[in-house]
Each structure stands twice: as structure tokens, then as C-alpha cells.
Amino acid sequence: MGKWLRIWTKIHHYHHPVIGFCGLLVTVVFSRPGTDLITVGPIQLDPFYLSVVGFGILLVLSIGDEYDPADYGLESSESD
């Protein structure tokens, strides 16, 4: 079971950069800036830029993070 737990924790850790990259890609390909605006009082927000900033922050923060098996209660192995 240790091998499957190790695989699961790696997938759990590395899915954030994939979500960030795919979110940026889908936003840029399927959205157009300035077409839809959200108005909240005197402020107008463009969902395109909100999405780009959100996925960009997720991508940058998750790329800077490292996988440490000890964080998940696993022993470090030489094969990783």
C-alpha cells in the first residue's frame, strides 16, 4: 500500500500546476478580454483578467513548491 500512497500523494501535489496551466490556456483560447464586464457599484471587472490573474498565481505558487514525502508521513526513498 505504501507504493500506491506515494503515487497518490505525488498526484495530489502536482495537480495544482496542471490546473494553473490548463486554466490559463483555456482562458486565453476561449475568452476575449472586454466582452463581458461585471459591474459592482462604480467598479467594473473583467472576468478574463480575473481568471488570468487567479490561474497565474496558482501556477507560480505551485511551481515554486517542492514535494517532500515527509509532509505526507512517508519515508523518503532513493527511487524518487
N, C-alpha and C. Protein backbone atom coordinates (compact mmCIF):
# COMPACT_ATOMS: atom_id res chain seq x y z
N MET A 1 0.81 -1.19 0.00
CA MET A 1 0.00 0.00 0.00
C MET A 1 0.86 1.26 0.00
N GLY A 2 2.08 1.18 0.48
CA GLY A 2 2.95 2.33 0.52
C GLY A 2 3.23 2.91 -0.85
N LYS A 3 3.39 2.03 -1.86
CA LYS A 3 3.67 2.50 -3.22
C LYS A 3 2.47 3.29 -3.76
N TRP A 4 1.25 2.79 -3.56
CA TRP A 4 0.07 3.49 -4.04
C TRP A 4 -0.15 4.80 -3.29
N LEU A 5 0.15 4.80 -2.00
CA LEU A 5 0.02 6.04 -1.23
C LEU A 5 1.02 7.08 -1.72
N ARG A 6 2.23 6.65 -2.03
CA ARG A 6 3.24 7.56 -2.56
C ARG A 6 2.81 8.14 -3.91
N ILE A 7 2.27 7.29 -4.78
CA ILE A 7 1.79 7.76 -6.09
C ILE A 7 0.64 8.75 -5.90
N TRP A 8 -0.29 8.44 -5.01
CA TRP A 8 -1.44 9.33 -4.77
C TRP A 8 -0.98 10.69 -4.24
N THR A 9 -0.03 10.71 -3.33
CA THR A 9 0.41 11.99 -2.77
C THR A 9 1.15 12.82 -3.81
N LYS A 10 1.89 12.15 -4.71
CA LYS A 10 2.55 12.91 -5.79
C LYS A 10 1.51 13.51 -6.73
N ILE A 11 0.49 12.72 -7.09
CA ILE A 11 -0.56 13.24 -7.96
C ILE A 11 -1.26 14.41 -7.26
N HIS A 12 -1.55 14.27 -5.99
CA HIS A 12 -2.20 15.34 -5.23
C HIS A 12 -1.35 16.60 -5.22
N HIS A 13 -0.04 16.43 -5.11
CA HIS A 13 0.85 17.58 -5.05
C HIS A 13 1.03 18.25 -6.41
N TYR A 14 1.13 17.46 -7.46
CA TYR A 14 1.44 18.01 -8.77
C TYR A 14 0.22 18.40 -9.60
N HIS A 15 -0.99 18.22 -9.09
CA HIS A 15 -2.14 18.61 -9.89
C HIS A 15 -2.36 20.12 -9.90
N HIS A 16 -1.84 20.84 -8.94
CA HIS A 16 -2.01 22.29 -8.92
C HIS A 16 -1.33 22.99 -10.10
N PRO A 17 -0.08 22.66 -10.46
CA PRO A 17 0.49 23.30 -11.64
C PRO A 17 -0.26 22.96 -12.93
N VAL A 18 -0.78 21.74 -13.00
CA VAL A 18 -1.54 21.34 -14.20
C VAL A 18 -2.83 22.15 -14.28
N ILE A 19 -3.51 22.32 -13.17
CA ILE A 19 -4.74 23.12 -13.15
C ILE A 19 -4.43 24.57 -13.52
N GLY A 20 -3.35 25.13 -12.99
CA GLY A 20 -2.98 26.51 -13.31
C GLY A 20 -2.67 26.69 -14.79
N PHE A 21 -1.88 25.77 -15.35
CA PHE A 21 -1.52 25.87 -16.77
C PHE A 21 -2.74 25.68 -17.67
N CYS A 22 -3.53 24.66 -17.41
CA CYS A 22 -4.71 24.40 -18.25
C CYS A 22 -5.74 25.53 -18.12
N GLY A 23 -5.89 26.07 -16.91
CA GLY A 23 -6.80 27.19 -16.73
C GLY A 23 -6.38 28.42 -17.52
N LEU A 24 -5.08 28.70 -17.50
CA LEU A 24 -4.58 29.82 -18.31
C LEU A 24 -4.80 29.57 -19.80
N LEU A 25 -4.51 28.36 -20.24
CA LEU A 25 -4.66 28.02 -21.65
C LEU A 25 -6.11 28.13 -22.10
N VAL A 26 -7.03 27.57 -21.33
CA VAL A 26 -8.45 27.63 -21.69
C VAL A 26 -8.96 29.06 -21.66
N THR A 27 -8.53 29.84 -20.69
CA THR A 27 -8.96 31.23 -20.60
C THR A 27 -8.50 32.03 -21.81
N VAL A 28 -7.26 31.86 -22.20
CA VAL A 28 -6.72 32.63 -23.33
C VAL A 28 -7.34 32.17 -24.65
N VAL A 29 -7.57 30.88 -24.81
CA VAL A 29 -8.10 30.35 -26.08
C VAL A 29 -9.59 30.66 -26.24
N PHE A 30 -10.39 30.50 -25.19
CA PHE A 30 -11.83 30.58 -25.34
C PHE A 30 -12.45 31.88 -24.86
N SER A 31 -11.69 32.76 -24.28
CA SER A 31 -12.25 34.02 -23.77
C SER A 31 -11.67 35.21 -24.50
N ARG A 32 -12.40 36.28 -24.50
CA ARG A 32 -11.95 37.52 -25.11
C ARG A 32 -11.99 38.62 -24.04
N PRO A 33 -10.91 39.37 -23.90
CA PRO A 33 -10.93 40.46 -22.92
C PRO A 33 -11.89 41.57 -23.36
N GLY A 34 -12.62 42.09 -22.40
CA GLY A 34 -13.51 43.22 -22.67
C GLY A 34 -14.89 42.87 -23.17
N THR A 35 -15.21 41.60 -23.40
CA THR A 35 -16.53 41.27 -23.94
C THR A 35 -17.60 41.20 -22.84
N ASP A 36 -17.24 40.69 -21.68
CA ASP A 36 -18.18 40.59 -20.56
C ASP A 36 -17.62 41.37 -19.38
N LEU A 37 -18.41 42.26 -18.86
CA LEU A 37 -17.98 43.04 -17.70
C LEU A 37 -18.93 42.79 -16.54
N ILE A 38 -18.37 42.70 -15.36
CA ILE A 38 -19.16 42.57 -14.14
C ILE A 38 -19.11 43.92 -13.45
N THR A 39 -20.28 44.47 -13.17
CA THR A 39 -20.35 45.77 -12.54
C THR A 39 -20.77 45.61 -11.08
N VAL A 40 -19.94 46.10 -10.19
CA VAL A 40 -20.24 46.10 -8.76
C VAL A 40 -20.13 47.54 -8.29
N GLY A 41 -21.27 48.19 -8.19
CA GLY A 41 -21.27 49.61 -7.84
C GLY A 41 -20.54 50.41 -8.91
N PRO A 42 -19.58 51.25 -8.52
CA PRO A 42 -18.85 52.03 -9.51
C PRO A 42 -17.69 51.27 -10.16
N ILE A 43 -17.47 50.03 -9.75
CA ILE A 43 -16.32 49.25 -10.24
C ILE A 43 -16.78 48.29 -11.33
N GLN A 44 -16.04 48.25 -12.44
CA GLN A 44 -16.29 47.27 -13.49
C GLN A 44 -15.11 46.31 -13.55
N LEU A 45 -15.41 45.02 -13.48
CA LEU A 45 -14.38 44.00 -13.52
C LEU A 45 -14.54 43.14 -14.76
N ASP A 46 -13.42 42.75 -15.33
CA ASP A 46 -13.43 41.88 -16.50
C ASP A 46 -13.06 40.46 -16.04
N PRO A 47 -13.96 39.49 -16.20
CA PRO A 47 -13.67 38.12 -15.76
C PRO A 47 -12.45 37.51 -16.45
N PHE A 48 -12.12 37.95 -17.64
CA PHE A 48 -10.95 37.45 -18.35
C PHE A 48 -9.69 37.72 -17.53
N TYR A 49 -9.52 38.94 -17.08
CA TYR A 49 -8.32 39.29 -16.33
C TYR A 49 -8.32 38.68 -14.93
N LEU A 50 -9.49 38.57 -14.32
CA LEU A 50 -9.58 37.90 -13.02
C LEU A 50 -9.14 36.44 -13.13
N SER A 51 -9.56 35.78 -14.19
CA SER A 51 -9.19 34.38 -14.41
C SER A 51 -7.70 34.25 -14.70
N VAL A 52 -7.17 35.11 -15.53
CA VAL A 52 -5.74 35.06 -15.87
C VAL A 52 -4.90 35.28 -14.61
N VAL A 53 -5.26 36.25 -13.80
CA VAL A 53 -4.51 36.53 -12.57
C VAL A 53 -4.63 35.36 -11.60
N GLY A 54 -5.83 34.83 -11.43
CA GLY A 54 -6.04 33.72 -10.49
C GLY A 54 -5.27 32.47 -10.88
N PHE A 55 -5.39 32.05 -12.14
CA PHE A 55 -4.65 30.87 -12.59
C PHE A 55 -3.15 31.12 -12.64
N GLY A 56 -2.75 32.35 -12.95
CA GLY A 56 -1.32 32.68 -12.94
C GLY A 56 -0.72 32.59 -11.55
N ILE A 57 -1.43 33.09 -10.56
CA ILE A 57 -0.95 32.99 -9.18
C ILE A 57 -0.85 31.54 -8.75
N LEU A 58 -1.88 30.73 -9.07
CA LEU A 58 -1.84 29.31 -8.73
C LEU A 58 -0.65 28.62 -9.39
N LEU A 59 -0.39 28.92 -10.64
CA LEU A 59 0.72 28.31 -11.37
C LEU A 59 2.06 28.70 -10.75
N VAL A 60 2.27 29.97 -10.49
CA VAL A 60 3.54 30.43 -9.94
C VAL A 60 3.79 29.87 -8.55
N LEU A 61 2.78 29.89 -7.69
CA LEU A 61 2.95 29.37 -6.34
C LEU A 61 3.18 27.86 -6.32
N SER A 62 2.50 27.13 -7.19
CA SER A 62 2.64 25.68 -7.19
C SER A 62 3.95 25.23 -7.84
N ILE A 63 4.47 25.99 -8.78
CA ILE A 63 5.76 25.63 -9.38
C ILE A 63 6.88 25.85 -8.36
N GLY A 64 6.75 26.85 -7.53
CA GLY A 64 7.77 27.14 -6.53
C GLY A 64 7.77 26.19 -5.34
N ASP A 65 6.74 25.37 -5.22
CA ASP A 65 6.63 24.44 -4.10
C ASP A 65 7.37 23.15 -4.42
N GLU A 66 7.79 22.41 -3.39
CA GLU A 66 8.51 21.15 -3.60
C GLU A 66 7.75 20.01 -2.94
N TYR A 67 7.88 18.83 -3.52
CA TYR A 67 7.27 17.63 -2.96
C TYR A 67 8.21 17.03 -1.93
N ASP A 68 7.74 16.91 -0.71
CA ASP A 68 8.52 16.30 0.36
C ASP A 68 7.69 15.16 0.94
N PRO A 69 8.12 13.90 0.76
CA PRO A 69 7.35 12.77 1.27
C PRO A 69 7.11 12.85 2.78
N ALA A 70 7.99 13.48 3.52
CA ALA A 70 7.81 13.59 4.97
C ALA A 70 6.57 14.42 5.32
N ASP A 71 6.18 15.36 4.46
CA ASP A 71 4.97 16.13 4.70
C ASP A 71 3.73 15.26 4.73
N TYR A 72 3.79 14.15 4.00
CA TYR A 72 2.65 13.23 3.92
C TYR A 72 2.83 12.03 4.85
N GLY A 73 3.84 12.04 5.67
CA GLY A 73 4.08 10.94 6.58
C GLY A 73 4.68 9.73 5.92
N LEU A 74 5.38 9.93 4.80
CA LEU A 74 6.02 8.83 4.08
C LEU A 74 7.52 8.91 4.27
N GLU A 75 8.16 7.76 4.16
CA GLU A 75 9.62 7.74 4.24
C GLU A 75 10.19 8.09 2.87
N SER A 76 11.28 8.81 2.86
CA SER A 76 11.94 9.15 1.62
C SER A 76 12.59 7.92 1.02
N SER A 77 12.53 7.81 -0.31
CA SER A 77 13.13 6.65 -0.96
C SER A 77 14.16 7.11 -2.00
N GLU A 78 15.06 6.23 -2.34
CA GLU A 78 16.11 6.57 -3.30
C GLU A 78 15.57 6.66 -4.72
N SER A 79 14.44 6.00 -5.04
CA SER A 79 13.93 5.96 -6.40
C SER A 79 13.25 7.26 -6.82
N ASP A 80 12.93 8.15 -5.87
CA ASP A 80 12.25 9.40 -6.22
C ASP A 80 13.22 10.37 -6.74
